[in-house]
């Protein structure tokens, strides 16, 4: 068995806020409890999925014995190095953008905006620390859960080792998440680089920052740091940023990034990185020509790698792939029937809300289905997601290309925000609501929204899809005027107008004439 060494994670800088955070999510004086003789449920990983499974099981009032293991920071990526810190920085960067746009609203702002990057980062740390008690080791202990800090390793199909303890279980859940993918670019490791695991420890803004990866993480952080004072060079291997998104939506974001003065290098291959007195030199190939760019720091945002290492999964018959993670069926059960998985470790949807939803499936399938109360499927979820650039892209359901691959005949209704009164009043005419529906039916198959707060709008359509409500139902929903969400009603009304036959239209015209 691999030696188990307790990891003592550290966050920088060690100011009052990070010390407060650490006191909640990895207390230095934490003493692991003596294990119970047997656990009904042992959860490995205290990110979103693991926390929800553990708290849900312990809170059922069934007297279940639950253990939760975390080798690093309670709260996982979302609290510590993902959703919470990134959205804090996004908010600050949007303030900068709005100040620069102020003259368009008749408000004169200073010619030079003084950005205190250290204060921006301190605000993030303060907010993160203030939230952290929700995910604290103490809180979960108070829920009746045995919390163990340290790395976990399966011993056999009924036991897990944590440091010197052996935890025996009836059911186990793997929720160890994922980490930033490390690109195999010659010289990159030697030059040093940032990921989402380290970038939020910065206290000074890099004057020249290269971002590798034009997906959601890369685009979000590239825009943030450009607005906060860096000169960004964003590298992407494909010909367009956010190439998995709706092409029209991705184009709007790409054009905004260009207006933010980012330098985009598309359709490129990174050849090597060198360290010189002038900075870190990135050699890249584009159009069969080798070019270089010199930067101060490199931020890698090119995908996620599942945390399967060190779990000893082979010993318990859990099939996994180093790139895709733990293999699960539609019920989130692994190839070992006593072991389930949830979250980034096993799912294509690598979102906090997806991990939360999956955790609820695991609770039902491990604790309720044995009593004949039914099983839930991952495939039954209607999953929205948001790319938090400015403007945001929010999506749910099928893209048009996916519908075509399934052989579905569809129609698309697009409402530009340039036709929505509130968007014009807000000075945000770019973007749209696009709804894909089944041809000859009001059944909604998917939707994409591009707007500054698209993420706040997508849930109405998500609810419609989840409850099998069509465009006709949305047309009957009264939307406050003026709101940008009124674009959704406009789309539904546009569908209703297609139902008017020529005879009905003639009759309505006649009635209007004599009314």
Protein backbone atom coordinates (compact mmCIF):
# COMPACT_ATOMS: atom_id res chain seq x y z
CA UNK A 1 0.00 0.00 0.00
CA UNK A 2 1.25 3.49 -0.88
CA UNK A 3 2.50 5.44 2.15
CA UNK A 4 -0.10 7.99 3.23
CA UNK A 5 1.17 11.43 4.13
CA UNK A 6 -1.11 14.14 5.47
CA UNK A 7 -1.07 17.17 3.20
CA UNK A 8 -1.00 20.64 4.73
CA UNK A 9 -2.32 22.96 2.01
CA UNK A 10 -1.34 26.62 2.14
CA UNK A 11 -2.99 29.70 0.66
CA UNK A 12 -1.10 32.90 -0.08
CA UNK A 13 -0.83 35.50 1.25
CA UNK A 14 -1.38 34.43 4.85
CA UNK A 15 -3.36 37.52 5.79
CA UNK A 16 -6.28 37.58 8.22
CA UNK A 17 -8.73 36.48 5.52
CA UNK A 18 -6.80 33.44 4.34
CA UNK A 19 -6.09 32.50 7.93
CA UNK A 20 -9.82 32.69 8.61
CA UNK A 21 -10.51 30.58 5.53
CA UNK A 22 -7.98 27.96 6.59
CA UNK A 23 -9.42 27.81 10.08
CA UNK A 24 -12.67 26.69 8.50
CA UNK A 25 -11.66 24.49 5.58
CA UNK A 26 -8.43 22.90 6.89
CA UNK A 27 -7.81 23.74 10.57
CA UNK A 28 -4.17 23.19 11.49
CA UNK A 29 -5.17 21.80 14.88
CA UNK A 30 -7.78 19.39 13.52
CA UNK A 31 -7.73 15.95 15.14
CA UNK A 32 -9.28 13.15 13.13
CA UNK A 33 -11.88 11.16 15.11
CA UNK A 34 -11.55 7.52 16.04
CA UNK A 35 -13.32 5.61 13.25
CA UNK A 36 -16.62 3.88 13.88
CA UNK A 37 -16.72 0.12 13.59
CA UNK A 38 -18.57 0.44 10.30
CA UNK A 39 -19.94 3.33 8.22
CA UNK A 40 -23.13 3.31 6.21
CA UNK A 41 -21.49 5.80 3.87
CA UNK A 42 -17.96 7.09 3.35
CA UNK A 43 -17.46 10.04 1.01
CA UNK A 44 -14.02 10.82 -0.43
CA UNK A 45 -13.72 14.49 -1.33
CA UNK A 46 -15.31 17.54 0.30
CA UNK A 47 -16.06 19.61 -2.75
CA UNK A 48 -19.64 20.35 -3.77
CA UNK A 49 -20.62 16.77 -4.63
CA UNK A 50 -19.04 15.28 -1.51
CA UNK A 51 -20.47 17.90 0.84
CA UNK A 52 -23.99 17.51 -0.52
CA UNK A 53 -23.88 13.71 -0.34
CA UNK A 54 -22.52 13.70 3.21
CA UNK A 55 -24.85 16.41 4.53
CA UNK A 56 -27.85 14.92 2.75
CA UNK A 57 -27.25 11.43 4.13
CA UNK A 58 -26.59 12.66 7.66
CA UNK A 59 -29.64 14.91 7.61
CA UNK A 60 -32.19 12.24 6.74
CA UNK A 61 -32.83 11.43 10.37
CA UNK A 62 -32.20 7.74 9.81
CA UNK A 63 -29.28 7.49 12.21
CA UNK A 64 -26.82 6.73 9.41
CA UNK A 65 -23.12 6.73 10.24
CA UNK A 66 -21.37 8.95 7.70
CA UNK A 67 -17.69 9.80 7.19
CA UNK A 68 -16.24 12.54 5.00
CA UNK A 69 -12.60 12.61 3.88
CA UNK A 70 -10.72 15.59 2.43
CA UNK A 71 -6.99 15.73 1.79
CA UNK A 72 -6.83 19.42 0.94
CA UNK A 73 -9.45 22.16 1.44
CA UNK A 74 -13.08 21.66 2.43
CA UNK A 75 -15.31 23.36 -0.12
CA UNK A 76 -13.22 22.10 -3.03
CA UNK A 77 -12.54 24.14 -6.16
CA UNK A 78 -15.76 26.14 -6.06
CA UNK A 79 -15.09 27.91 -2.78
CA UNK A 80 -11.31 28.08 -2.84
CA UNK A 81 -10.01 28.31 -6.39
CA UNK A 82 -13.02 28.40 -8.70
CA UNK A 83 -16.50 29.89 -8.68
CA UNK A 84 -16.27 32.18 -5.66
CA UNK A 85 -12.90 33.87 -6.25
CA UNK A 86 -13.35 34.14 -10.00
CA UNK A 87 -16.78 35.78 -9.72
CA UNK A 88 -15.38 38.28 -7.21
CA UNK A 89 -12.74 39.32 -9.74
CA UNK A 90 -15.28 39.36 -12.55
CA UNK A 91 -17.38 41.82 -10.56
CA UNK A 92 -14.42 44.13 -10.03
CA UNK A 93 -13.45 43.95 -13.69
CA UNK A 94 -17.01 44.83 -14.74
CA UNK A 95 -16.84 47.96 -12.60
CA UNK A 96 -13.74 48.99 -14.55
CA UNK A 97 -15.52 48.37 -17.86
CA UNK A 98 -18.57 50.35 -16.76
CA UNK A 99 -16.40 53.27 -15.70
CA UNK A 100 -14.78 53.28 -19.12
CA UNK A 101 -18.23 53.26 -20.75
CA UNK A 102 -19.61 56.00 -18.46
CA UNK A 103 -19.44 58.81 -21.03
CA UNK A 104 -21.95 56.97 -23.23
CA UNK A 105 -24.46 57.44 -20.38
CA UNK A 106 -23.75 61.14 -19.95
CA UNK A 107 -21.41 60.66 -17.01
CA UNK A 108 -17.84 61.86 -17.16
CA UNK A 109 -15.36 59.52 -15.51
CA UNK A 110 -11.65 60.19 -14.93
CA UNK A 111 -9.43 59.76 -17.97
CA UNK A 112 -7.22 57.40 -15.96
CA UNK A 113 -8.89 54.79 -13.80
CA UNK A 114 -6.79 53.89 -10.77
CA UNK A 115 -7.02 50.12 -10.31
CA UNK A 116 -5.71 48.89 -6.97
CA UNK A 117 -5.09 45.25 -7.87
CA UNK A 118 -4.01 44.34 -4.35
CA UNK A 119 -7.29 45.74 -2.99
CA UNK A 120 -9.26 43.82 -5.62
CA UNK A 121 -7.62 40.59 -4.50
CA UNK A 122 -8.08 41.46 -0.83
CA UNK A 123 -11.80 41.97 -1.42
CA UNK A 124 -11.95 38.54 -3.02
CA UNK A 125 -10.18 36.94 -0.05
CA UNK A 126 -12.49 38.72 2.39
CA UNK A 127 -15.64 37.51 0.65
CA UNK A 128 -14.29 33.98 0.22
CA UNK A 129 -13.41 33.78 3.91
CA UNK A 130 -16.83 35.10 4.88
CA UNK A 131 -18.53 32.34 2.90
CA UNK A 132 -16.22 29.54 4.01
CA UNK A 133 -17.97 28.69 7.28
CA UNK A 134 -20.74 27.01 5.24
CA UNK A 135 -18.20 24.38 4.14
CA UNK A 136 -16.20 24.17 7.33
CA UNK A 137 -14.98 20.99 8.97
CA UNK A 138 -16.57 22.11 12.24
CA UNK A 139 -19.98 22.61 10.66
CA UNK A 140 -19.99 19.13 9.16
CA UNK A 141 -18.83 17.62 12.43
CA UNK A 142 -21.79 19.36 14.06
CA UNK A 143 -24.04 17.64 11.51
CA UNK A 144 -22.94 14.33 13.02
CA UNK A 145 -20.43 13.50 10.30
CA UNK A 146 -16.98 12.09 11.10
CA UNK A 147 -14.62 14.42 9.21
CA UNK A 148 -11.15 13.12 8.37
CA UNK A 149 -8.44 15.37 6.92
CA UNK A 150 -5.85 13.52 4.91
CA UNK A 151 -5.43 11.50 1.69
CA UNK A 152 -7.65 8.46 1.18
CA UNK A 153 -6.85 5.13 -0.42
CA UNK A 154 -9.01 2.06 -0.92
CA UNK A 155 -7.68 -0.96 0.91
CA UNK A 156 -10.33 -3.37 -0.31
CA UNK A 157 -13.97 -3.27 -1.41
CA UNK A 158 -15.07 -2.50 2.10
CA UNK A 159 -12.32 -0.36 3.60
CA UNK A 160 -10.52 2.96 3.06
CA UNK A 161 -7.29 4.06 4.71
CA UNK A 162 -6.85 7.67 5.89
CA UNK A 163 -3.45 8.31 7.42
CA UNK A 164 -3.25 5.63 10.14
CA UNK A 165 -7.02 4.98 10.29
CA UNK A 166 -9.03 2.31 8.49
CA UNK A 167 -12.64 3.20 7.68
CA UNK A 168 -14.94 0.27 6.89
CA UNK A 169 -18.05 1.01 4.85
CA UNK A 170 -21.21 -0.40 3.31
CA UNK A 171 -21.20 2.19 0.51
CA UNK A 172 -18.56 4.65 -0.67
CA UNK A 173 -18.77 7.70 -2.91
CA UNK A 174 -15.80 9.05 -4.87
CA UNK A 175 -16.06 12.84 -5.23
CA UNK A 176 -12.42 13.86 -5.61
CA UNK A 177 -13.02 16.32 -8.44
CA UNK A 178 -10.53 17.45 -11.06
CA UNK A 179 -7.54 19.75 -11.41
CA UNK A 180 -6.13 22.00 -14.12
CA UNK A 181 -4.61 20.10 -17.03
CA UNK A 182 -0.86 20.59 -17.38
CA UNK A 183 -0.01 21.04 -21.08
CA UNK A 184 3.05 19.16 -22.30
CA UNK A 185 4.79 22.16 -23.83
CA UNK A 186 8.61 21.98 -23.77
CA UNK A 187 10.02 24.47 -21.27
CA UNK A 188 6.67 25.42 -19.71
CA UNK A 189 7.27 23.66 -16.41
CA UNK A 190 10.77 25.10 -16.14
CA UNK A 191 9.52 28.63 -16.87
CA UNK A 192 6.71 28.28 -14.34
CA UNK A 193 3.06 28.99 -14.88
CA UNK A 194 -0.20 29.77 -13.12
CA UNK A 195 -3.44 27.77 -13.01
CA UNK A 196 -6.74 28.43 -11.26
CA UNK A 197 -5.07 26.79 -8.25
CA UNK A 198 -2.47 29.56 -7.94
CA UNK A 199 -3.71 32.62 -9.83
CA UNK A 200 -5.92 33.77 -6.96
CA UNK A 201 -2.86 34.08 -4.73
CA UNK A 202 -1.48 36.95 -6.82
CA UNK A 203 -1.07 40.30 -5.11
CA UNK A 204 0.41 42.14 -8.10
CA UNK A 205 -1.10 42.27 -11.58
CA UNK A 206 1.25 40.80 -14.23
CA UNK A 207 1.93 43.53 -16.81
CA UNK A 208 2.06 40.96 -19.63
CA UNK A 209 0.06 37.78 -19.20
CA UNK A 210 -0.35 34.90 -21.64
CA UNK A 211 -3.47 32.78 -21.28
CA UNK A 212 -3.44 29.32 -22.82
CA UNK A 213 -6.89 28.06 -23.75
CA UNK A 214 -9.86 29.81 -25.36
CA UNK A 215 -12.57 27.86 -23.54
CA UNK A 216 -14.75 29.24 -20.73
CA UNK A 217 -12.05 29.40 -18.04
CA UNK A 218 -9.46 30.93 -20.35
CA UNK A 219 -11.85 33.55 -21.75
CA UNK A 220 -13.26 34.53 -18.36
CA UNK A 221 -9.87 35.05 -16.72
CA UNK A 222 -8.32 36.64 -19.81
CA UNK A 223 -11.02 39.32 -19.88
CA UNK A 224 -10.75 39.86 -16.12
CA UNK A 225 -6.99 40.41 -16.12
CA UNK A 226 -7.09 42.57 -19.24
CA UNK A 227 -9.59 44.87 -17.57
CA UNK A 228 -7.64 44.88 -14.31
CA UNK A 229 -4.42 46.01 -15.93
CA UNK A 230 -2.63 43.17 -17.74
CA UNK A 231 -1.92 43.08 -21.45
CA UNK A 232 -3.32 39.68 -22.40
CA UNK A 233 -2.23 37.43 -25.21
CA UNK A 234 -4.80 34.64 -25.49
CA UNK A 235 -3.73 31.46 -27.30
CA UNK A 236 -6.28 29.01 -28.67
CA UNK A 237 -5.67 25.98 -30.86
CA UNK A 238 -8.87 26.40 -32.86
CA UNK A 239 -9.99 29.14 -35.24
CA UNK A 240 -12.54 30.67 -32.89
CA UNK A 241 -12.87 31.14 -29.16
CA UNK A 242 -15.52 29.15 -27.27
CA UNK A 243 -15.86 26.86 -30.27
CA UNK A 244 -18.18 24.45 -28.45
CA UNK A 245 -20.75 27.20 -27.97
CA UNK A 246 -23.33 28.54 -30.40
CA UNK A 247 -21.23 30.19 -33.11
CA UNK A 248 -23.23 33.44 -33.09
CA UNK A 249 -22.90 33.67 -29.32
CA UNK A 250 -19.17 32.97 -29.37
CA UNK A 251 -18.66 35.62 -32.04
CA UNK A 252 -20.21 38.31 -29.85
CA UNK A 253 -17.89 37.44 -26.97
CA UNK A 254 -14.84 37.27 -29.24
CA UNK A 255 -15.58 40.73 -30.62
CA UNK A 256 -15.96 42.09 -27.09
CA UNK A 257 -12.59 40.66 -26.11
CA UNK A 258 -11.06 42.42 -29.10
CA UNK A 259 -12.70 45.68 -28.01
CA UNK A 260 -11.14 45.08 -24.59
CA UNK A 261 -7.80 45.11 -26.48
CA UNK A 262 -6.83 41.49 -25.87
CA UNK A 263 -4.41 40.03 -28.38
CA UNK A 264 -5.88 36.83 -29.82
CA UNK A 265 -3.69 34.15 -31.36
CA UNK A 266 -5.96 31.56 -32.95
CA UNK A 267 -5.34 28.38 -34.93
CA UNK A 268 -1.95 28.04 -33.31
CA UNK A 269 0.32 25.41 -31.79
CA UNK A 270 2.58 26.26 -28.87
CA UNK A 271 6.06 24.91 -29.63
CA UNK A 272 8.11 25.79 -26.54
CA UNK A 273 8.71 28.28 -23.76
CA UNK A 274 12.06 29.86 -22.89
CA UNK A 275 13.07 31.94 -19.88
CA UNK A 276 15.13 35.03 -20.68
CA UNK A 277 16.05 38.28 -18.98
CA UNK A 278 13.24 39.96 -20.95
CA UNK A 279 10.64 37.52 -19.68
CA UNK A 280 9.08 34.22 -20.66
CA UNK A 281 9.28 33.74 -24.41
CA UNK A 282 6.50 31.68 -25.97
CA UNK A 283 7.26 30.20 -29.39
CA UNK A 284 4.13 29.38 -31.36
CA UNK A 285 3.31 28.15 -34.84
CA UNK A 286 0.60 29.88 -36.86
CA UNK A 287 0.05 29.46 -40.59
CA UNK A 288 3.24 27.35 -40.67
CA UNK A 289 5.28 30.30 -39.39
CA UNK A 290 7.03 30.38 -36.01
CA UNK A 291 6.43 33.56 -34.03
CA UNK A 292 7.25 34.61 -30.47
CA UNK A 293 5.69 36.69 -27.73
CA UNK A 294 7.32 37.77 -24.46
CA UNK A 295 5.27 37.79 -21.25
CA UNK A 296 5.79 38.06 -17.51
CA UNK A 297 3.45 35.22 -16.51
CA UNK A 298 1.61 32.35 -18.17
CA UNK A 299 -1.86 31.22 -17.09
CA UNK A 300 -3.01 27.80 -18.20
CA UNK A 301 -6.77 27.37 -18.63
CA UNK A 302 -6.90 24.44 -21.03
CA UNK A 303 -9.13 21.76 -19.58
CA UNK A 304 -9.46 19.63 -16.45
CA UNK A 305 -7.85 16.35 -15.40
CA UNK A 306 -9.76 14.03 -13.01
CA UNK A 307 -8.20 13.31 -9.62
CA UNK A 308 -7.94 9.52 -9.83
CA UNK A 309 -4.34 9.27 -8.64
CA UNK A 310 -3.56 7.64 -5.32
CA UNK A 311 -7.01 6.16 -4.72
CA UNK A 312 -5.90 2.58 -5.48
CA UNK A 313 -8.98 2.07 -7.66
CA UNK A 314 -7.56 -1.00 -9.37
CA UNK A 315 -7.58 -2.84 -6.06
CA UNK A 316 -11.36 -2.48 -5.74
CA UNK A 317 -12.33 -3.07 -9.35
CA UNK A 318 -13.32 0.52 -10.16
CA UNK A 319 -12.73 1.17 -13.83
CA UNK A 320 -11.34 4.59 -14.70
CA UNK A 321 -9.57 6.54 -17.40
CA UNK A 322 -6.77 8.98 -16.62
CA UNK A 323 -8.30 11.56 -18.98
CA UNK A 324 -12.06 11.03 -18.51
CA UNK A 325 -12.11 9.92 -14.89
CA UNK A 326 -14.06 7.22 -13.07
CA UNK A 327 -16.43 5.22 -15.25
CA UNK A 328 -20.04 5.28 -14.02
CA UNK A 329 -23.39 4.17 -15.38
CA UNK A 330 -26.46 6.36 -15.68
CA UNK A 331 -27.13 5.83 -11.97
CA UNK A 332 -23.61 7.05 -11.06
CA UNK A 333 -22.61 3.56 -9.94
CA UNK A 334 -19.05 2.47 -10.70
CA UNK A 335 -17.98 -0.98 -11.86
CA UNK A 336 -17.86 -1.89 -8.17
CA UNK A 337 -21.55 -2.00 -7.08
CA UNK A 338 -20.69 -0.74 -3.57
CA UNK A 339 -18.96 2.38 -4.86
CA UNK A 340 -20.53 5.41 -6.55
CA UNK A 341 -19.05 8.62 -7.91
CA UNK A 342 -20.28 12.17 -8.47
CA UNK A 343 -18.98 15.49 -9.75
CA UNK A 344 -15.96 16.37 -11.87
CA UNK A 345 -14.32 13.01 -11.19
CA UNK A 346 -16.81 11.23 -13.46
CA UNK A 347 -18.97 13.71 -15.37
CA UNK A 348 -18.67 15.73 -18.57
CA UNK A 349 -20.61 18.55 -16.89
CA UNK A 350 -17.91 20.10 -14.74
CA UNK A 351 -20.05 22.67 -12.95
CA UNK A 352 -20.82 23.19 -9.29
CA UNK A 353 -24.56 22.98 -9.87
CA UNK A 354 -24.05 19.76 -11.85
CA UNK A 355 -22.11 18.25 -8.95
CA UNK A 356 -24.90 19.28 -6.58
CA UNK A 357 -27.55 17.65 -8.80
CA UNK A 358 -25.47 14.49 -9.18
CA UNK A 359 -25.01 14.26 -5.41
CA UNK A 360 -28.77 14.21 -4.96
CA UNK A 361 -28.98 11.34 -7.44
CA UNK A 362 -26.37 9.43 -5.46
CA UNK A 363 -28.27 9.97 -2.21
CA UNK A 364 -31.45 8.60 -3.74
CA UNK A 365 -29.78 5.66 -5.46
CA UNK A 366 -27.70 4.57 -2.47
CA UNK A 367 -30.11 5.21 0.40
CA UNK A 368 -33.64 5.07 -1.03
CA UNK A 369 -33.62 2.69 -4.01
CA UNK A 370 -32.77 -0.37 -1.84
CA UNK A 371 -36.23 0.11 -0.28
CA UNK A 372 -37.97 0.12 -3.64
CA UNK A 373 -38.33 3.90 -3.86
CA UNK A 374 -36.96 4.12 -7.40
CA UNK A 375 -33.67 5.22 -8.94
CA UNK A 376 -32.68 8.47 -10.58
CA UNK A 377 -30.67 8.82 -13.78
CA UNK A 378 -28.00 11.34 -14.68
CA UNK A 379 -29.42 11.50 -18.20
CA UNK A 380 -32.73 12.80 -16.83
CA UNK A 381 -31.16 16.10 -15.73
CA UNK A 382 -31.81 19.29 -17.66
CA UNK A 383 -28.48 21.03 -17.24
CA UNK A 384 -27.94 24.74 -17.88
CA UNK A 385 -24.52 26.37 -17.87
CA UNK A 386 -23.02 29.83 -18.13
CA UNK A 387 -19.75 31.24 -19.42
CA UNK A 388 -19.20 34.29 -17.22
CA UNK A 389 -17.56 36.58 -19.72
CA UNK A 390 -19.03 40.04 -20.29
CA UNK A 391 -21.47 39.52 -21.96
CA UNK A 392 -22.31 36.10 -20.55
CA UNK A 393 -23.35 33.10 -22.61
CA UNK A 394 -26.01 30.94 -20.98
CA UNK A 395 -27.20 27.70 -22.53
CA UNK A 396 -29.55 24.81 -21.79
CA UNK A 397 -30.61 21.77 -23.79
CA UNK A 398 -29.55 20.95 -27.33
CA UNK A 399 -27.58 23.02 -29.77
CA UNK A 400 -28.86 23.05 -33.34
CA UNK A 401 -25.98 20.83 -34.49
CA UNK A 402 -26.81 18.27 -31.79
CA UNK A 403 -30.46 18.23 -32.84
CA UNK A 404 -29.39 17.59 -36.43
CA UNK A 405 -27.17 14.72 -35.31
CA UNK A 406 -30.20 13.20 -33.58
CA UNK A 407 -32.23 13.52 -36.76
CA UNK A 408 -34.62 16.08 -35.26
CA UNK A 409 -36.35 18.63 -37.47
CA UNK A 410 -36.22 22.01 -35.76
CA UNK A 411 -36.95 25.69 -36.05
CA UNK A 412 -35.05 28.49 -34.34
CA UNK A 413 -36.48 31.74 -33.01
CA UNK A 414 -34.00 34.54 -32.36
CA UNK A 415 -34.85 37.78 -30.57
CA UNK A 416 -32.02 40.36 -30.73
CA UNK A 417 -31.69 42.54 -27.65
CA UNK A 418 -31.65 45.50 -30.01
CA UNK A 419 -35.45 44.99 -30.14
CA UNK A 420 -35.86 44.87 -26.33
CA UNK A 421 -36.61 48.21 -24.67
CA UNK A 422 -34.81 47.50 -21.38
CA UNK A 423 -31.66 46.36 -23.17
CA UNK A 424 -31.65 49.64 -25.11
CA UNK A 425 -32.15 51.61 -21.90
CA UNK A 426 -29.28 49.69 -20.31
CA UNK A 427 -27.03 50.37 -23.30
CA UNK A 428 -26.74 46.63 -23.92
CA UNK A 429 -28.25 46.07 -27.38
CA UNK A 430 -25.83 43.31 -28.34
CA UNK A 431 -26.78 39.71 -27.74
CA UNK A 432 -29.93 37.71 -28.19
CA UNK A 433 -32.29 35.05 -26.94
CA UNK A 434 -32.28 32.06 -29.26
CA UNK A 435 -34.75 29.21 -28.71
CA UNK A 436 -34.64 25.94 -30.60
CA UNK A 437 -37.95 24.07 -30.84
CA UNK A 438 -39.23 20.97 -32.53
CA UNK A 439 -40.67 21.73 -35.96
CA UNK A 440 -44.45 21.63 -35.90
CA UNK A 441 -44.49 21.76 -32.11
CA UNK A 442 -43.90 24.24 -29.30
CA UNK A 443 -41.58 21.74 -27.54
CA UNK A 444 -38.42 23.56 -26.49
CA UNK A 445 -35.25 21.61 -27.30
CA UNK A 446 -32.63 24.15 -26.27
CA UNK A 447 -31.84 27.80 -25.79
CA UNK A 448 -28.89 30.19 -25.78
CA UNK A 449 -28.89 33.66 -24.26
CA UNK A 450 -26.13 36.24 -24.73
CA UNK A 451 -26.44 39.18 -22.35
CA UNK A 452 -24.56 40.86 -19.50
CA UNK A 453 -26.68 38.83 -17.03
CA UNK A 454 -27.68 35.88 -19.20
CA UNK A 455 -27.08 33.50 -16.32
CA UNK A 456 -29.90 35.17 -14.38
CA UNK A 457 -32.30 34.61 -17.28
CA UNK A 458 -31.72 31.03 -18.41
CA UNK A 459 -33.55 29.37 -15.49
CA UNK A 460 -36.99 30.27 -16.86
CA UNK A 461 -36.30 28.26 -19.98
CA UNK A 462 -34.63 25.49 -17.98
CA UNK A 463 -37.79 25.18 -15.89
CA UNK A 464 -39.91 25.05 -19.03
CA UNK A 465 -37.85 22.20 -20.48
CA UNK A 466 -37.70 20.31 -17.17
CA UNK A 467 -41.46 20.52 -16.66
CA UNK A 468 -42.24 19.94 -20.34
CA UNK A 469 -43.82 23.35 -20.78
CA UNK A 470 -43.65 24.63 -24.34
CA UNK A 471 -43.39 28.03 -25.97
CA UNK A 472 -47.15 28.47 -25.67
CA UNK A 473 -46.87 28.32 -21.89
CA UNK A 474 -44.03 30.87 -21.88
CA UNK A 475 -46.16 33.16 -24.01
CA UNK A 476 -48.79 33.17 -21.26
CA UNK A 477 -46.27 34.18 -18.57
CA UNK A 478 -46.54 37.86 -17.68
CA UNK A 479 -43.09 39.46 -17.65
CA UNK A 480 -42.58 42.79 -15.85
CA UNK A 481 -41.94 45.68 -18.20
CA UNK A 482 -39.29 46.73 -18.85
CA UNK A 483 -36.92 43.79 -18.29
CA UNK A 484 -34.40 42.10 -20.52
CA UNK A 485 -36.08 38.77 -19.76
CA UNK A 486 -38.99 40.08 -21.80
CA UNK A 487 -37.01 38.79 -24.79
CA UNK A 488 -38.06 35.28 -23.73
CA UNK A 489 -41.73 36.23 -23.97
CA UNK A 490 -41.07 37.88 -27.33
CA UNK A 491 -39.63 34.59 -28.58
CA UNK A 492 -42.66 32.68 -27.32
CA UNK A 493 -45.02 35.22 -28.90
CA UNK A 494 -43.14 34.86 -32.19
CA UNK A 495 -43.89 31.14 -32.09
CA UNK A 496 -47.58 31.78 -31.38
CA UNK A 497 -47.81 34.04 -34.42
CA UNK A 498 -46.66 31.17 -36.64
CA UNK A 499 -49.84 29.31 -35.64
CA UNK A 500 -52.07 31.90 -37.30
CA UNK A 501 -53.42 30.49 -40.56
CA UNK A 502 -54.05 32.82 -43.52
CA UNK A 503 -57.79 32.43 -42.91
CA UNK A 504 -57.40 33.42 -39.25
CA UNK A 505 -55.23 36.37 -40.18
CA UNK A 506 -57.84 37.57 -42.70
CA UNK A 507 -60.59 37.24 -40.11
CA UNK A 508 -58.59 39.21 -37.54
CA UNK A 509 -57.92 41.96 -40.07
CA UNK A 510 -61.63 42.14 -40.86
CA UNK A 511 -62.57 42.31 -37.19
CA UNK A 512 -59.96 45.00 -36.61
CA UNK A 513 -61.31 47.01 -39.53
CA UNK A 514 -64.85 47.13 -38.13
CA UNK A 515 -63.93 47.43 -34.44
